[in-house]
Structures are given as structure tokens and as C-alpha cells.
């Protein structure tokens, strides 16, 4: 995936996030609180200026009662639902980030690919890829998709 494709994917993901939030009659603040980010960052997700990590997206779909596949589909959401009970989302997201990083590293090793090669092929810096694999940094969904396309 090149930079233009990643930008388009970020915009599409943002529109789907906004549509799902509005369909559930949730505010930006409610959704931001549910996934453990500041409202300004959540707004950036909706506007396609930034992208959530997969654990954040998974938490959001749980909160909005959607299938994860919604964010890879072509349909929008329009049903009403009830609020979700409070959970320790920060802990869940952190754990899921580490799991995704470990799976990413495992897959990279399985195909016998170095971090340097993955960096060159994906256009993502080696240090950033390493922090993704260690679960130290959330992986924006479009970057995750780009990484997986290379492997």
C-alpha cells in the first residue's frame, strides 16, 4: 500500500467510524472515553487525519455493538442500541496491542523477513516497526494493512 492508498484508507475508516458513532447516538467524548483516548484524537480518527490501532478499533466495535468486519465493508450503520457497561479499556487495549505485535513478529519471522526488509518494503521506519512488534506503540489500522500486504 502506498502513501496515497493509506491516506484514502484513513479517510474511509474515519467516515465509517463517524457513521457508526452517529447511528448509535453517541458523542465524540463518549466514544473517546470508551476506547481510552482524548476527544481530540477521536475527532482526528473520524476526520481521517489519524487512524486508530486495531485494539482501539476492536474496543470501539464492542462499544458500538458492531462486527469488526463493518470497517472493511461497504455498508453503513443505522440501528439504535443501548449503552455499554464500563470496562478497563486501557488495560484491554494494551494487552491486545502486545498480542498483535507478537503475532506480527511471529508472522515476519515465519516468512524469514528482517525488520530492515519490512521497513524498506512498507515505507515504515525500522524503529517504529520494532515498537509495534513489542506492543509499545499502537499500530494504525492502515499501516497494519500495509505491513500485512508486504508479508
Protein backbone atom coordinates (compact mmCIF):
# COMPACT_ATOMS: atom_id res chain seq x y z
CA UNK A 1 0.00 0.00 0.00
CA UNK A 2 1.50 3.36 -0.96
CA UNK A 3 1.03 6.63 0.95
CA UNK A 4 -1.92 7.71 -1.21
CA UNK A 5 -3.69 4.40 -0.58
CA UNK A 6 -3.05 4.70 3.16
CA UNK A 7 -4.48 8.24 3.14
CA UNK A 8 -7.60 7.08 1.28
CA UNK A 9 -7.98 4.17 3.70
CA UNK A 10 -7.69 6.56 6.68
CA UNK A 11 -10.43 8.77 5.24
CA UNK A 12 -12.74 5.81 4.56
CA UNK A 13 -12.15 4.40 8.03
CA UNK A 14 -12.88 7.82 9.53
CA UNK A 15 -16.19 8.06 7.70
CA UNK A 16 -17.22 4.59 8.85
CA UNK A 17 -16.29 5.41 12.46
CA UNK A 18 -18.30 8.65 12.36
CA UNK A 19 -21.30 6.94 10.76
CA UNK A 20 -21.27 4.16 13.37
CA UNK A 21 -21.00 6.67 16.23
CA UNK A 22 -23.87 8.79 14.92
CA UNK A 23 -26.05 5.73 14.29
CA UNK A 24 -25.58 4.74 17.94
CA UNK A 25 -26.36 8.29 19.09
CA UNK A 26 -23.01 8.58 20.85
CA UNK A 27 -20.94 11.70 21.33
CA UNK A 28 -17.28 12.01 20.38
CA UNK A 29 -16.46 12.21 24.10
CA UNK A 30 -18.39 9.01 24.91
CA UNK A 31 -16.59 7.07 22.19
CA UNK A 32 -13.21 8.57 23.09
CA UNK A 33 -13.74 7.63 26.75
CA UNK A 34 -14.83 4.12 25.75
CA UNK A 35 -11.55 3.44 23.93
CA UNK A 36 -9.33 5.46 26.29
CA UNK A 37 -8.28 8.36 24.05
CA UNK A 38 -8.82 12.11 24.21
CA UNK A 39 -11.81 13.53 22.30
CA UNK A 40 -9.49 15.49 20.01
CA UNK A 41 -7.73 12.31 18.94
CA UNK A 42 -11.05 10.54 18.37
CA UNK A 43 -12.15 13.51 16.25
CA UNK A 44 -8.94 13.12 14.22
CA UNK A 45 -9.86 9.45 13.68
CA UNK A 46 -13.28 10.47 12.35
CA UNK A 47 -11.77 13.09 10.07
CA UNK A 48 -9.26 10.62 8.68
CA UNK A 49 -6.29 12.66 9.87
CA UNK A 50 -5.18 9.85 12.21
CA UNK A 51 -6.08 6.18 12.47
CA UNK A 52 -6.91 4.06 15.48
CA UNK A 53 -4.89 0.99 16.30
CA UNK A 54 -6.55 -2.39 15.87
CA UNK A 55 -7.12 -2.78 19.65
CA UNK A 56 -8.77 0.65 19.75
CA UNK A 57 -10.93 -0.28 16.77
CA UNK A 58 -11.83 -3.61 18.38
CA UNK A 59 -12.85 -1.81 21.56
CA UNK A 60 -14.90 0.68 19.56
CA UNK A 61 -16.81 -2.06 17.74
CA UNK A 62 -17.50 -3.72 21.07
CA UNK A 63 -18.76 -0.42 22.47
CA UNK A 64 -20.91 0.32 19.42
CA UNK A 65 -22.05 -3.32 19.13
CA UNK A 66 -20.74 -3.81 15.61
CA UNK A 67 -18.91 -6.65 13.93
CA UNK A 68 -15.25 -5.79 13.27
CA UNK A 69 -15.91 -6.53 9.61
CA UNK A 70 -18.01 -3.35 9.48
CA UNK A 71 -14.80 -1.36 8.99
CA UNK A 72 -13.82 -3.42 5.96
CA UNK A 73 -17.29 -3.46 4.41
CA UNK A 74 -19.19 -1.07 2.21
CA UNK A 75 -22.31 -0.65 4.32
CA UNK A 76 -23.05 1.98 6.92
CA UNK A 77 -24.67 1.51 10.31
CA UNK A 78 -28.12 2.84 11.14
CA UNK A 79 -29.52 0.81 14.06
CA UNK A 80 -30.05 2.09 17.61
CA UNK A 81 -28.55 0.30 20.61
CA UNK A 82 -28.11 0.64 24.35
CA UNK A 83 -25.04 1.85 26.25
CA UNK A 84 -22.18 -0.48 27.15
CA UNK A 85 -21.05 -1.15 30.71
CA UNK A 86 -17.76 0.43 31.76
CA UNK A 87 -14.71 -1.82 31.33
CA UNK A 88 -10.99 -1.40 31.82
CA UNK A 89 -10.41 -0.48 28.19
CA UNK A 90 -6.89 0.87 28.67
CA UNK A 91 -5.74 -2.49 30.01
CA UNK A 92 -7.58 -4.41 27.29
CA UNK A 93 -6.14 -2.22 24.54
CA UNK A 94 -2.62 -2.50 25.94
CA UNK A 95 -2.89 -6.29 26.14
CA UNK A 96 -4.32 -6.54 22.63
CA UNK A 97 -1.56 -4.26 21.28
CA UNK A 98 1.07 -6.60 22.69
CA UNK A 99 -0.75 -9.62 21.25
CA UNK A 100 -0.93 -8.05 17.79
CA UNK A 101 2.74 -7.08 17.98
CA UNK A 102 3.72 -10.63 18.93
CA UNK A 103 1.62 -12.06 16.09
CA UNK A 104 3.16 -9.60 13.67
CA UNK A 105 6.69 -10.54 14.78
CA UNK A 106 5.79 -14.24 14.60
CA UNK A 107 4.49 -13.87 11.04
CA UNK A 108 7.52 -11.82 9.99
CA UNK A 109 9.85 -14.50 11.38
CA UNK A 110 7.79 -17.24 9.74
CA UNK A 111 8.38 -15.72 6.30
CA UNK A 112 12.03 -15.11 7.25
CA UNK A 113 11.84 -11.33 6.78
CA UNK A 114 14.08 -8.89 8.62
CA UNK A 115 12.82 -5.67 10.16
CA UNK A 116 15.02 -3.79 7.69
CA UNK A 117 13.44 -5.57 4.71
CA UNK A 118 9.93 -4.98 6.07
CA UNK A 119 10.82 -1.33 6.62
CA UNK A 120 12.02 -0.90 3.06
CA UNK A 121 9.03 -2.72 1.57
CA UNK A 122 6.40 -0.96 3.69
CA UNK A 123 7.96 2.51 3.95
CA UNK A 124 7.67 2.41 7.76
CA UNK A 125 10.83 3.11 9.78
CA UNK A 126 12.53 0.14 11.44
CA UNK A 127 12.34 1.68 14.91
CA UNK A 128 8.61 2.19 14.53
CA UNK A 129 8.12 -1.42 13.33
CA UNK A 130 10.10 -2.66 16.33
CA UNK A 131 7.94 -0.64 18.73
CA UNK A 132 4.83 -2.08 17.04
CA UNK A 133 6.12 -5.63 17.46
CA UNK A 134 6.93 -5.03 21.12
CA UNK A 135 3.45 -3.62 21.73
CA UNK A 136 4.94 -0.32 22.86
CA UNK A 137 3.09 1.71 20.27
CA UNK A 138 -0.36 1.26 18.74
CA UNK A 139 -0.38 0.31 15.06
CA UNK A 140 -2.75 2.47 13.00
CA UNK A 141 -5.02 0.15 11.01
CA UNK A 142 -3.92 1.40 7.54
CA UNK A 143 -0.26 0.81 8.49
CA UNK A 144 -1.11 -2.67 9.79
CA UNK A 145 -2.84 -3.42 6.48
CA UNK A 146 0.21 -2.12 4.62
CA UNK A 147 2.57 -4.28 6.68
CA UNK A 148 0.45 -7.38 6.14
CA UNK A 149 0.31 -6.81 2.38
CA UNK A 150 4.11 -6.87 2.30
CA UNK A 151 4.34 -10.11 4.24
